[in-house]
C-alpha atoms as a PDB file:
ATOM      1  CA  MET A   1     -94.407   7.426  41.679  1.00  0.00           C
ATOM      2  CA  ALA A   2     -96.409  10.983  42.974  1.00  0.00           C
ATOM      3  CA  GLY A   3     -96.161  12.506  45.963  1.00  0.00           C
ATOM      4  CA  ARG A   4     -99.065  15.226  46.898  1.00  0.00           C
ATOM      5  CA  GLN A   5     -98.864  18.276  48.828  1.00  0.00           C
ATOM      6  CA  ARG A   6    -102.043  20.142  50.169  1.00  0.00           C
ATOM      7  CA  GLY A   7    -104.064  19.405  46.749  1.00  0.00           C
ATOM      8  CA  ALA A   8    -101.621  19.646  44.381  1.00  0.00           C
ATOM      9  CA  GLN A   9    -100.431  16.578  42.938  1.00  0.00           C
ATOM     10  CA  TRP A  10     -96.654  16.052  41.409  1.00  0.00           C
ATOM     11  CA  THR A  11     -95.587  13.504  38.869  1.00  0.00           C
ATOM     12  CA  ILE A  12     -91.852  11.737  39.656  1.00  0.00           C
ATOM     13  CA  ALA A  13     -90.668   9.716  37.416  1.00  0.00           C
ATOM     14  CA  ARG A  14     -88.022   7.333  38.659  1.00  0.00           C
ATOM     15  CA  ARG A  15     -84.776   7.100  37.110  1.00  0.00           C
ATOM     16  CA  ARG A  16     -83.445   3.397  36.706  1.00  0.00           C
ATOM     17  CA  HIS A  17     -81.973   1.932  39.848  1.00  0.00           C
ATOM     18  CA  PRO A  18     -77.985   3.014  39.898  1.00  0.00           C
ATOM     19  CA  ALA A  19     -75.255   0.092  39.262  1.00  0.00           C
ATOM     20  CA  ARG A  20     -74.547  -2.305  41.555  1.00  0.00           C
ATOM     21  CA  GLY A  21     -71.789  -1.116  44.394  1.00  0.00           C
ATOM     22  CA  ALA A  22     -72.597   3.048  43.140  1.00  0.00           C
ATOM     23  CA  ALA A  23     -72.247   4.791  46.476  1.00  0.00           C
ATOM     24  CA  LEU A  24     -75.584   7.417  47.184  1.00  0.00           C
ATOM     25  CA  VAL A  25     -74.883  10.280  49.089  1.00  0.00           C
ATOM     26  CA  THR A  26     -77.574  10.165  52.015  1.00  0.00           C
ATOM     27  CA  LEU A  27     -78.760  13.527  53.149  1.00  0.00           C
ATOM     28  CA  ALA A  28     -78.122  12.699  56.798  1.00  0.00           C
ATOM     29  CA  ALA A  29     -74.435  12.821  55.737  1.00  0.00           C
ATOM     30  CA  LEU A  30     -75.047  16.356  54.315  1.00  0.00           C
ATOM     31  CA  PRO A  31     -74.712  20.158  56.539  1.00  0.00           C
ATOM     32  CA  ASP A  32     -77.952  21.542  57.007  1.00  0.00           C
ATOM     33  CA  ALA A  33     -77.261  24.705  56.238  1.00  0.00           C
ATOM     34  CA  PRO A  34     -78.572  27.766  54.414  1.00  0.00           C
ATOM     35  CA  GLY A  35     -77.146  27.586  50.626  1.00  0.00           C
ATOM     36  CA  ILE A  36     -76.713  23.953  50.928  1.00  0.00           C
ATOM     37  CA  ARG A  37     -80.221  22.440  51.416  1.00  0.00           C
ATOM     38  CA  LEU A  38     -83.334  24.356  50.221  1.00  0.00           C
ATOM     39  CA  THR A  39     -86.460  24.849  52.172  1.00  0.00           C
ATOM     40  CA  ALA A  40     -89.974  25.224  51.114  1.00  0.00           C
ATOM     41  CA  GLU A  41     -90.140  27.971  53.603  1.00  0.00           C
ATOM     42  CA  GLU A  42     -87.570  30.400  51.620  1.00  0.00           C
ATOM     43  CA  LEU A  43     -88.868  30.299  48.831  1.00  0.00           C
ATOM     44  CA  LEU A  44     -92.397  30.712  50.140  1.00  0.00           C
ATOM     45  CA  ALA A  45     -90.801  33.562  51.892  1.00  0.00           C
ATOM     46  CA  LEU A  46     -90.308  35.412  48.194  1.00  0.00           C
ATOM     47  CA  ARG A  47     -93.878  36.118  48.058  1.00  0.00           C
ATOM     48  CA  ASP A  48     -94.161  38.692  50.128  1.00  0.00           C
ATOM     49  CA  GLU A  49     -90.759  40.251  49.224  1.00  0.00           C
ATOM     50  CA  ILE A  50     -92.518  40.475  45.217  1.00  0.00           C
ATOM     51  CA  ARG A  51     -95.631  41.728  46.401  1.00  0.00           C
ATOM     52  CA  GLY A  52     -94.068  44.383  48.503  1.00  0.00           C
ATOM     53  CA  PRO A  53     -95.966  46.932  51.028  1.00  0.00           C
ATOM     54  CA  GLY A  54     -99.538  47.370  49.707  1.00  0.00           C
ATOM     55  CA  ARG A  55     -99.673  45.708  46.376  1.00  0.00           C
ATOM     56  CA  HIS A  56    -102.494  43.352  46.140  1.00  0.00           C
ATOM     57  CA  ARG A  57    -104.216  41.292  43.162  1.00  0.00           C
ATOM     58  CA  PRO A  58    -107.225  42.305  41.525  1.00  0.00           C
ATOM     59  CA  ALA A  59    -110.037  40.414  42.835  1.00  0.00           C
ATOM     60  CA  THR A  60    -110.641  39.375  39.404  1.00  0.00           C
ATOM     61  CA  ARG A  61    -109.825  40.004  35.352  1.00  0.00           C
ATOM     62  CA  ARG A  62    -112.876  41.933  34.230  1.00  0.00           C
ATOM     63  CA  PRO A  63    -111.921  44.668  31.823  1.00  0.00           C
ATOM     64  CA  GLY A  64    -110.435  47.405  33.298  1.00  0.00           C
ATOM     65  CA  VAL A  65    -109.681  45.738  36.575  1.00  0.00           C
ATOM     66  CA  ALA A  66    -106.418  44.372  35.116  1.00  0.00           C
ATOM     67  CA  PRO A  67    -104.049  46.439  33.008  1.00  0.00           C
ATOM     68  CA  ALA A  68    -103.685  43.997  29.822  1.00  0.00           C
ATOM     69  CA  ARG A  69    -106.629  43.019  27.707  1.00  0.00           C
ATOM     70  CA  LEU A  70    -108.071  39.232  28.436  1.00  0.00           C
ATOM     71  CA  GLU A  71    -106.670  36.693  25.637  1.00  0.00           C
ATOM     72  CA  GLY A  72    -108.175  35.292  23.202  1.00  0.00           C
ATOM     73  CA  SER A  73    -108.716  32.309  20.968  1.00  0.00           C
ATOM     74  CA  GLY A  74    -106.235  31.054  19.138  1.00  0.00           C
ATOM     75  CA  MET A  75    -106.278  29.060  16.242  1.00  0.00           C
ATOM     76  CA  ASP A  76    -103.669  26.019  17.403  1.00  0.00           C
ATOM     77  CA  LEU A  77    -105.872  23.059  18.732  1.00  0.00           C
ATOM     78  CA  ARG A  78    -105.077  22.124  21.815  1.00  0.00           C
ATOM     79  CA  GLU A  79    -107.448  19.450  22.366  1.00  0.00           C
ATOM     80  CA  ILE A  80    -111.246  17.785  21.210  1.00  0.00           C
ATOM     81  CA  ARG A  81    -113.209  16.640  24.443  1.00  0.00           C
ATOM     82  CA  ALA A  82    -116.648  15.880  24.985  1.00  0.00           C
ATOM     83  CA  TYR A  83    -118.833  18.873  25.900  1.00  0.00           C
ATOM     84  CA  VAL A  84    -120.164  20.093  29.469  1.00  0.00           C
ATOM     85  CA  ALA A  85    -123.005  22.212  30.444  1.00  0.00           C
ATOM     86  CA  GLY A  86    -121.167  25.848  29.621  1.00  0.00           C
ATOM     87  CA  ASP A  87    -118.983  25.314  26.328  1.00  0.00           C
ATOM     88  CA  ASP A  88    -119.673  27.589  23.538  1.00  0.00           C
ATOM     89  CA  PRO A  89    -122.037  25.423  20.966  1.00  0.00           C
ATOM     90  CA  ARG A  90    -119.974  27.385  18.424  1.00  0.00           C
ATOM     91  CA  ARG A  91    -117.113  25.265  19.327  1.00  0.00           C
ATOM     92  CA  LEU A  92    -118.757  21.760  18.266  1.00  0.00           C
ATOM     93  CA  ASP A  93    -116.413  19.574  16.299  1.00  0.00           C
ATOM     94  CA  PRO A  94    -118.637  18.080  13.728  1.00  0.00           C
ATOM     95  CA  ALA A  95    -116.391  14.888  12.914  1.00  0.00           C
ATOM     96  CA  ALA A  96    -115.784  13.726  16.678  1.00  0.00           C
ATOM     97  CA  THR A  97    -119.500  14.335  17.276  1.00  0.00           C
ATOM     98  CA  ALA A  98    -120.611  12.328  14.763  1.00  0.00           C
ATOM     99  CA  ARG A  99    -118.483   9.315  14.911  1.00  0.00           C
ATOM    100  CA  THR A 100    -118.923   8.911  18.796  1.00  0.00           C
ATOM    101  CA  GLY A 101    -122.172  10.036  18.877  1.00  0.00           C
ATOM    102  CA  GLN A 102    -121.798  12.673  21.818  1.00  0.00           C
ATOM    103  CA  PRO A 103    -121.004  16.284  21.463  1.00  0.00           C
ATOM    104  CA  HIS A 104    -117.843  17.200  21.079  1.00  0.00           C
ATOM    105  CA  ILE A 105    -115.938  20.693  21.313  1.00  0.00           C
ATOM    106  CA  ARG A 106    -112.358  21.661  20.011  1.00  0.00           C
ATOM    107  CA  SER A 107    -110.626  23.472  22.929  1.00  0.00           C
ATOM    108  CA  LEU A 108    -108.185  25.715  21.059  1.00  0.00           C
ATOM    109  CA  HIS A 109    -104.575  27.787  22.771  1.00  0.00           C
ATOM    110  CA  GLU A 110    -105.022  31.099  23.568  1.00  0.00           C
ATOM    111  CA  ASP A 111    -103.493  33.488  21.545  1.00  0.00           C
ATOM    112  CA  ARG A 112    -101.611  34.925  24.818  1.00  0.00           C
ATOM    113  CA  ASP A 113    -101.380  31.802  27.243  1.00  0.00           C
ATOM    114  CA  ASP A 114    -100.614  33.515  30.324  1.00  0.00           C
ATOM    115  CA  THR A 115     -98.639  30.189  31.765  1.00  0.00           C
ATOM    116  CA  THR A 116     -95.310  30.814  32.798  1.00  0.00           C
ATOM    117  CA  LEU A 117     -93.146  27.285  33.051  1.00  0.00           C
ATOM    118  CA  LEU A 118     -90.005  27.431  35.648  1.00  0.00           C
ATOM    119  CA  ILE A 119     -87.728  24.317  34.807  1.00  0.00           C
ATOM    120  CA  ALA A 120     -84.668  23.652  37.098  1.00  0.00           C
ATOM    121  CA  ASP A 121     -81.915  22.037  36.372  1.00  0.00           C
ATOM    122  CA  PHE A 122     -80.564  19.807  39.705  1.00  0.00           C
ATOM    123  CA  ARG A 123     -78.002  17.897  37.984  1.00  0.00           C
ATOM    124  CA  ALA A 124     -74.798  17.110  39.284  1.00  0.00           C
ATOM    125  CA  PRO A 125     -73.158  20.599  37.764  1.00  0.00           C
ATOM    126  CA  MET A 126     -75.546  22.425  39.342  1.00  0.00           C
ATOM    127  CA  LEU A 127     -74.716  20.909  42.971  1.00  0.00           C
ATOM    128  CA  TRP A 128     -71.563  23.492  43.194  1.00  0.00           C
ATOM    129  CA  GLY A 129     -70.946  26.868  44.373  1.00  0.00           C
ATOM    130  CA  THR A 130     -68.015  28.418  46.413  1.00  0.00           C
ATOM    131  CA  GLY A 131     -69.414  31.294  47.556  1.00  0.00           C
ATOM    132  CA  THR A 132     -72.460  31.520  49.894  1.00  0.00           C
ATOM    133  CA  ALA A 133     -75.092  28.822  48.069  1.00  0.00           C
ATOM    134  CA  LEU A 134     -74.634  26.251  45.786  1.00  0.00           C
ATOM    135  CA  ARG A 135     -75.553  27.119  42.004  1.00  0.00           C
ATOM    136  CA  SER A 136     -78.555  24.621  42.525  1.00  0.00           C
ATOM    137  CA  VAL A 137     -80.135  27.159  45.093  1.00  0.00           C
ATOM    138  CA  ARG A 138     -79.849  30.195  43.652  1.00  0.00           C
ATOM    139  CA  ALA A 139     -81.481  28.645  40.512  1.00  0.00           C
ATOM    140  CA  ALA A 140     -84.443  27.700  42.429  1.00  0.00           C
ATOM    141  CA  ARG A 141     -84.537  31.064  44.098  1.00  0.00           C
ATOM    142  CA  HIS A 142     -84.278  32.646  40.709  1.00  0.00           C
ATOM    143  CA  LEU A 143     -87.453  30.445  39.466  1.00  0.00           C
ATOM    144  CA  ALA A 144     -89.390  31.028  42.363  1.00  0.00           C
ATOM    145  CA  ARG A 145     -89.421  35.010  42.007  1.00  0.00           C
ATOM    146  CA  MET A 146     -89.915  34.584  38.600  1.00  0.00           C
ATOM    147  CA  GLY A 147     -93.008  32.285  39.841  1.00  0.00           C
ATOM    148  CA  TRP A 148     -94.461  34.553  42.166  1.00  0.00           C
ATOM    149  CA  GLN A 149     -94.291  37.211  39.437  1.00  0.00           C
ATOM    150  CA  ALA A 150     -96.467  35.464  36.885  1.00  0.00           C
ATOM    151  CA  ALA A 151     -98.885  33.578  40.078  1.00  0.00           C
ATOM    152  CA  LEU A 152     -99.257  37.147  41.692  1.00  0.00           C
ATOM    153  CA  ARG A 153    -100.460  38.766  38.455  1.00  0.00           C
ATOM    154  CA  GLY A 154    -103.382  36.120  38.377  1.00  0.00           C
ATOM    155  CA  GLY A 155    -101.084  33.779  35.521  1.00  0.00           C
ATOM    156  CA  SER A 156    -100.725  29.828  35.859  1.00  0.00           C
ATOM    157  CA  VAL A 157     -97.193  28.396  36.664  1.00  0.00           C
ATOM    158  CA  ALA A 158     -96.072  24.930  35.671  1.00  0.00           C
ATOM    159  CA  GLY A 159     -92.901  23.206  37.165  1.00  0.00           C
ATOM    160  CA  LEU A 160     -90.239  20.377  35.778  1.00  0.00           C
ATOM    161  CA  THR A 161     -87.498  19.650  37.934  1.00  0.00           C
ATOM    162  CA  VAL A 162     -84.797  17.087  35.901  1.00  0.00           C
ATOM    163  CA  SER A 163     -81.757  15.416  38.273  1.00  0.00           C
ATOM    164  CA  GLY A 164     -79.962  12.349  38.875  1.00  0.00           C
ATOM    165  CA  ALA A 165     -83.467  11.160  40.948  1.00  0.00           C
ATOM    166  CA  GLY A 166     -85.294  12.226  37.599  1.00  0.00           C
ATOM    167  CA  LEU A 167     -88.008  13.894  36.477  1.00  0.00           C
ATOM    168  CA  ALA A 168     -90.383  15.610  38.567  1.00  0.00           C
ATOM    169  CA  GLU A 169     -93.449  18.313  37.064  1.00  0.00           C
ATOM    170  CA  LEU A 170     -96.545  20.398  38.088  1.00  0.00           C
ATOM    171  CA  ALA A 171     -98.732  20.609  36.033  1.00  0.00           C
ATOM    172  CA  PRO A 172     -99.828  24.640  35.411  1.00  0.00           C
ATOM    173  CA  ALA A 173    -102.444  26.170  37.644  1.00  0.00           C
ATOM    174  CA  THR A 174    -103.300  29.706  39.428  1.00  0.00           C
ATOM    175  CA  GLY A 175    -103.253  31.330  42.651  1.00  0.00           C
ATOM    176  CA  ASP A 176    -100.977  31.103  45.777  1.00  0.00           C
ATOM    177  CA  ALA A 177    -101.490  28.098  47.112  1.00  0.00           C
ATOM    178  CA  HIS A 178    -100.456  26.174  43.495  1.00  0.00           C
ATOM    179  CA  MET A 179     -97.617  28.091  43.384  1.00  0.00           C
ATOM    180  CA  ALA A 180     -96.815  27.079  47.324  1.00  0.00           C
ATOM    181  CA  SER A 181     -96.840  23.741  46.135  1.00  0.00           C
ATOM    182  CA  VAL A 182     -94.472  24.220  43.226  1.00  0.00           C
ATOM    183  CA  SER A 183     -92.174  25.942  45.649  1.00  0.00           C
ATOM    184  CA  ARG A 184     -91.938  22.715  47.703  1.00  0.00           C
ATOM    185  CA  LEU A 185     -91.177  20.803  44.612  1.00  0.00           C
ATOM    186  CA  LEU A 186     -88.390  22.612  44.389  1.00  0.00           C
ATOM    187  CA  ALA A 187     -87.350  22.037  47.762  1.00  0.00           C
ATOM    188  CA  HIS A 188     -88.457  18.395  47.946  1.00  0.00           C
ATOM    189  CA  GLN A 189     -86.527  17.742  44.353  1.00  0.00           C
ATOM    190  CA  HIS A 190     -83.227  19.369  45.799  1.00  0.00           C
ATOM    191  CA  ASP A 191     -82.976  17.024  48.516  1.00  0.00           C
ATOM    192  CA  ARG A 192     -83.506  14.095  46.001  1.00  0.00           C
ATOM    193  CA  ALA A 193     -80.693  15.727  43.493  1.00  0.00           C
ATOM    194  CA  LEU A 194     -78.515  16.274  46.979  1.00  0.00           C
ATOM    195  CA  ALA A 195     -79.085  12.772  47.886  1.00  0.00           C
ATOM    196  CA  GLU A 196     -78.744  10.516  44.348  1.00  0.00           C
ATOM    197  CA  PRO A 197     -76.452  13.549  42.049  1.00  0.00           C
ATOM    198  CA  GLY A 198     -76.284  12.463  38.473  1.00  0.00           C
ATOM    199  CA  THR A 199     -76.243  13.812  35.285  1.00  0.00           C
ATOM    200  CA  PRO A 200     -79.146  12.827  33.070  1.00  0.00           C
ATOM    201  CA  SER A 201     -79.636  14.076  28.986  1.00  0.00           C
ATOM    202  CA  LEU A 202     -81.816  17.877  29.491  1.00  0.00           C
ATOM    203  CA  THR A 203     -83.494  16.584  25.817  1.00  0.00           C
ATOM    204  CA  GLU A 204     -85.863  14.440  28.406  1.00  0.00           C
ATOM    205  CA  ALA A 205     -86.867  17.100  30.184  1.00  0.00           C
ATOM    206  CA  LEU A 206     -87.129  19.471  27.352  1.00  0.00           C
ATOM    207  CA  ALA A 207     -89.802  17.247  25.652  1.00  0.00           C
ATOM    208  CA  HIS A 208     -91.775  17.280  28.662  1.00  0.00           C
ATOM    209  CA  ALA A 209     -91.385  20.658  28.526  1.00  0.00           C
ATOM    210  CA  ALA A 210     -93.299  20.809  25.666  1.00  0.00           C
ATOM    211  CA  ARG A 211     -96.492  19.313  26.874  1.00  0.00           C
ATOM    212  CA  LEU A 212     -96.710  21.307  29.963  1.00  0.00           C
ATOM    213  CA  ALA A 213     -96.163  24.965  28.088  1.00  0.00           C
ATOM    214  CA  PRO A 214     -98.613  26.092  25.654  1.00  0.00           C
ATOM    215  CA  ALA A 215     -97.901  27.930  22.087  1.00  0.00           C
ATOM    216  CA  GLY A 216     -98.123  31.658  23.707  1.00  0.00           C
ATOM    217  CA  GLY A 217     -96.657  31.124  26.939  1.00  0.00           C
ATOM    218  CA  ARG A 218     -93.559  31.527  28.529  1.00  0.00           C
ATOM    219  CA  ILE A 219     -90.954  29.014  29.700  1.00  0.00           C
ATOM    220  CA  LEU A 220     -87.581  29.695  31.931  1.00  0.00           C
ATOM    221  CA  LEU A 221     -84.556  27.250  32.819  1.00  0.00           C
ATOM    222  CA  ALA A 222     -82.228  28.056  34.633  1.00  0.00           C
ATOM    223  CA  THR A 223     -79.109  25.922  34.355  1.00  0.00           C
ATOM    224  CA  ALA A 224     -75.224  26.589  34.434  1.00  0.00           C
ATOM    225  CA  PRO A 225     -73.280  27.822  31.534  1.00  0.00           C
ATOM    226  CA  GLY A 226     -72.725  25.133  28.949  1.00  0.00           C
ATOM    227  CA  GLY A 227     -75.438  22.792  30.620  1.00  0.00           C
ATOM    228  CA  TRP A 228     -77.797  23.487  27.658  1.00  0.00           C
ATOM    229  CA  GLN A 229     -75.641  22.337  25.134  1.00  0.00           C
ATOM    230  CA  SER A 230     -76.082  18.807  24.947  1.00  0.00           C
ATOM    231  CA  ALA A 231     -79.992  19.457  24.400  1.00  0.00           C
ATOM    232  CA  GLU A 232     -79.914  22.585  21.400  1.00  0.00           C
ATOM    233  CA  ALA A 233     -82.437  20.856  19.166  1.00  0.00           C
ATOM    234  CA  ALA A 234     -85.338  20.476  21.602  1.00  0.00           C
ATOM    235  CA  LEU A 235     -84.084  23.757  22.674  1.00  0.00           C
ATOM    236  CA  SER A 236     -85.202  24.857  19.533  1.00  0.00           C
ATOM    237  CA  ARG A 237     -88.333  23.108  19.038  1.00  0.00           C
ATOM    238  CA  LEU A 238     -89.502  24.112  22.606  1.00  0.00           C
ATOM    239  CA  ALA A 239     -88.730  27.998  21.407  1.00  0.00           C
ATOM    240  CA  ARG A 240     -91.728  27.842  18.585  1.00  0.00           C
ATOM    241  CA  ARG A 241     -94.131  29.825  19.618  1.00  0.00           C
ATOM    242  CA  ARG A 242     -93.445  30.291  23.168  1.00  0.00           C
ATOM    243  CA  LYS A 243     -90.977  32.402  24.742  1.00  0.00           C
ATOM    244  CA  LEU A 244     -88.381  30.571  26.564  1.00  0.00           C
ATOM    245  CA  THR A 245     -85.184  31.934  28.320  1.00  0.00           C
ATOM    246  CA  VAL A 246     -82.530  30.460  29.213  1.00  0.00           C
ATOM    247  CA  ALA A 247     -81.144  32.279  32.936  1.00  0.00           C
ATOM    248  CA  LEU A 248     -77.382  31.117  33.059  1.00  0.00           C
ATOM    249  CA  ILE A 249     -77.013  31.001  36.959  1.00  0.00           C
ATOM    250  CA  LEU A 250     -73.264  32.384  37.569  1.00  0.00           C
ATOM    251  CA  ASP A 251     -71.314  31.031  40.806  1.00  0.00           C
ATOM    252  CA  GLU A 252     -69.392  34.083  42.361  1.00  0.00           C
ATOM    253  CA  ILE A 253     -66.073  32.951  41.367  1.00  0.00           C
ATOM    254  CA  GLU A 254     -67.449  33.281  37.543  1.00  0.00           C
ATOM    255  CA  CYS A 255     -68.146  36.721  38.032  1.00  0.00           C
ATOM    256  CA  VAL A 256     -64.466  38.003  40.059  1.00  0.00           C
ATOM    257  CA  ALA A 257     -61.893  35.310  39.483  1.00  0.00           C
ATOM    258  CA  PRO A 258     -59.627  35.245  42.512  1.00  0.00           C
ATOM    259  CA  SER A 259     -56.310  36.818  42.021  1.00  0.00           C
ATOM    260  CA  GLY A 260     -52.652  35.443  42.220  1.00  0.00           C
ATOM    261  CA  VAL A 261     -51.613  32.123  41.499  1.00  0.00           C
ATOM    262  CA  LEU A 262     -54.053  28.806  42.908  1.00  0.00           C
ATOM    263  CA  ALA A 263     -52.954  25.491  43.308  1.00  0.00           C
ATOM    264  CA  VAL A 264     -54.704  22.443  41.902  1.00  0.00           C
ATOM    265  CA  SER A 265     -54.682  19.182  43.182  1.00  0.00           C
ATOM    266  CA  ASP A 266     -56.218  15.804  42.830  1.00  0.00           C
ATOM    267  CA  GLY A 267     -53.966  14.368  45.970  1.00  0.00           C
ATOM    268  CA  ARG A 268     -51.768  12.393  43.506  1.00  0.00           C
ATOM    269  CA  ALA A 269     -50.332  15.572  41.193  1.00  0.00           C
ATOM    270  CA  SER A 270     -50.572  19.482  41.801  1.00  0.00           C
ATOM    271  CA  ARG A 271     -50.735  22.366  39.249  1.00  0.00           C
ATOM    272  CA  LEU A 272     -50.487  25.938  39.483  1.00  0.00           C
ATOM    273  CA  ALA A 273     -53.068  27.788  37.392  1.00  0.00           C
ATOM    274  CA  ARG A 274     -54.572  31.069  37.293  1.00  0.00           C
ATOM    275  CA  LEU A 275     -58.800  31.635  37.229  1.00  0.00           C
ATOM    276  CA  SER A 276     -59.901  34.014  34.982  1.00  0.00           C
ATOM    277  CA  VAL A 277     -63.800  35.170  34.076  1.00  0.00           C
ATOM    278  CA  PRO A 278     -65.361  33.303  31.461  1.00  0.00           C
ATOM    279  CA  ASP A 279     -66.321  35.189  28.407  1.00  0.00           C
ATOM    280  CA  LEU A 280     -70.336  33.566  27.544  1.00  0.00           C
ATOM    281  CA  SER A 281     -71.007  35.981  24.595  1.00  0.00           C
ATOM    282  CA  ASP A 282     -70.457  32.806  22.185  1.00  0.00           C
ATOM    283  CA  ASP A 283     -73.044  30.928  24.440  1.00  0.00           C
ATOM    284  CA  SER A 284     -75.312  33.831  24.427  1.00  0.00           C
ATOM    285  CA  ASP A 285     -75.376  34.277  20.792  1.00  0.00           C
ATOM    286  CA  ARG A 286     -75.666  30.547  20.155  1.00  0.00           C
ATOM    287  CA  LEU A 287     -79.130  30.747  22.289  1.00  0.00           C
ATOM    288  CA  ARG A 288     -80.156  33.693  20.475  1.00  0.00           C
ATOM    289  CA  VAL A 289     -79.765  31.590  16.901  1.00  0.00           C
ATOM    290  CA  LEU A 290     -81.978  28.603  18.577  1.00  0.00           C
ATOM    291  CA  GLY A 291     -84.147  31.294  19.393  1.00  0.00           C
ATOM    292  CA  ALA A 292     -83.822  31.838  22.875  1.00  0.00           C
ATOM    293  CA  ILE A 293     -83.232  34.257  25.334  1.00  0.00           C
ATOM    294  CA  PRO A 294     -79.880  34.129  27.362  1.00  0.00           C
ATOM    295  CA  ALA A 295     -80.011  36.261  30.665  1.00  0.00           C
ATOM    296  CA  GLU A 296     -77.162  36.005  33.448  1.00  0.00           C
ATOM    297  CA  VAL A 297     -77.916  35.478  36.418  1.00  0.00           C
ATOM    298  CA  GLN A 298     -75.311  37.201  39.079  1.00  0.00           C
ATOM    299  CA  PRO A 299     -74.831  35.991  42.560  1.00  0.00           C
END
C-alpha cells in the first residue's frame, strides 16, 4: 500500500490480518486530545521553533557559504547505473559497460553523507503515558525536532515507522517540503498505530533502516527503555559505519517516582506497591557495546 502527500511518496508494508475475533480500537473511540492524537500541524510548527528569529539557511552550498566542507567521494559502492549526460566519465565501470554494451558508472557513498534517518517506534508499549502526552507522541516530537535541524542545514532526511499496522518508510531527500512529508508520515502512522496496536519485532524495521541510511549517515531511533533489547544483533549491524543514536523516551513516572504506597489491581486481586525510578546505566552500557549512542529524553 502506498500513500502520496504533496509530491512525496511513502511506502507502507501491511502487517498480516489480525486473528479472527481480535478487536481493533477505532480512532473515533479515542479522545481527540493533544498528547494522545498526534497531528502533522504540531510537527510542522517545530520548524519555526528550531529556526528561531532571524535564522536562515544558505541559498547554496558553495565553499564559503556553508561552514563545513562539501562531502567527498568515498570508497563504498552505492550502485552501478547507466551513464547520463553530466556524469563524471572517470567513474565509468569497464565491466558493466562491456557486459551491457552501454556506458555505466559506479556511484559511491559519500565519505560524510549528511543523511539523517528517523525511526519511530509506535509499537504497543509506546502507546502509553502518565503525563501530558503518550510516550509515542513525545518520541515523534523529538524525531521531528532532529529532522528539522537536519533539513535546515541542508541535509537529507528519511523516515521509518514500525507499529502493529506494519512498516512505513519515506526515502531520503532534502528540503522543507520533504521534511513536511516526513511529519505527515509520522502523524498518519501514529493514528494507524492507535487503531491497530501490536508489538512486532524491531529487527525487520532495522533491516529496512540499513537500506535507507548510507554509510556515514546518521540514524536516530526513538523507543522505550528496553524496547531495543530484542534486536541487539540488528542494532550492532546498523551501527557499523553509521552514527546510531538510541533515544530512550522516558515517561514522567520514570523520572520522578510518586511518593507513598500505591494500590495495583487487575480487577480480581490487588497489591500495594512502591515505585522507584529505573536505573538505565546497564542499558546505556550495553548500547555503547553495540556501537550505539544512548540518549535519555526527559519529558
